[in-house]
């Protein structure tokens, strides 16, 4: 149990430690370029990789061969999933080295539909529980205990437009209940509620490279495009983490028993970059609607084109399968030091026997502490259908 001075500080300490989003102040506009200017959003739990497979691949997954968790990364690729139906569950302790009761749970599933099974329905529930918190006022008097949480429920549809190309869409309902019944000034804090959508594309084919036949896959996905969120009736509504992710996967079937896959993803938040105010000597974010924010986000960095490039996040991954039963994985994730500074390596393994698969992942921080360091993540998947021969 943790004692804190106010409900707002409760949410800040949890989410702030999660992403280390403290911005350094500068003394003049001339110093802006190269300074720490992090693009922040509410409900950042939506950006946490939910499954151990992609978590072990440096959080690359847009073009990865689809599994039960694939819709999180790109709903469109679920149209090409090989099994008729399946489910997966993941449970991950968060900030394990600081607190014992903060967890992320993720349940996902899918079902192929249609006469030729060229379409797929999928869905998921993500639940982020922040444990029990005792709220106190400024003089230390108890305001009661509470268990903050955040939940997102998603539904997706994907369909093949050809033997190589598919599209997918998704809808999401988000609830963020961090300090219900507490007060910020004279404003009562209420659960934040938002809705969002995803849209993705996926392409796969075979090409000859160096005398070897490779399976290639390309994917693109815009996720969490939707409403802003607010925790009080009069407070300004904040952006949720709308993002654009592009990815590629290259798979070589070496022989009947061995295959390898190389992956790369590029990700960018599609929300406005904070601007510098000379009069207050602070960063601020312009209050524009969501669509304006999306279009402005690709060219509004006050440091110019170089700062826009700094806002790109990169993931690379490698996956090896033996006899389609045992997998080894490794990856790397990089975020510019002025945009959050997350920089880590990942390793993992997978085992599939009959219709049950188990994946594990482990994160290795390279630049700063990470909420998942020292944690082994697991996902368990169950195949509920028959393997397609299409």
Foldseek 3Di string as FASTA:
>chain_A
DDEDAFLVVQVCVVVCQFQVQDFDFDQDLVPQPPGFFADDFPPCVLVDDFAQVCQQQQNFQQFPQDDQSNVSNFLANVLVHFFAKKKKKWKWAFLVVPDPPWIKIKIKMKGQDDPVSSKMKMKMKIKTKPQKYFYAHNVGHTPGIDIWMKMKIKIKMKGDPDPFKIKMKMKMKIWGGRDAQTDDVPWGFAIKIWMFMKIKMKGWDWDADPNFIKIKMKMKMWTGQTFFIDGTPPDQGTGDFTKIKIKMKIKGDPDQFKIKMKMKMKMAGQFATWDADNVVSDTDGDDDGRVVSNVCRQAVRSNGPVVSVLRIKMKIKMWMGTNNFKIKMKMWIAHHPSHRGFTWIKIWMKGDDDFKIKIKMAIGGDGDDHRRHPIIIMMMMGRPGDGHPD
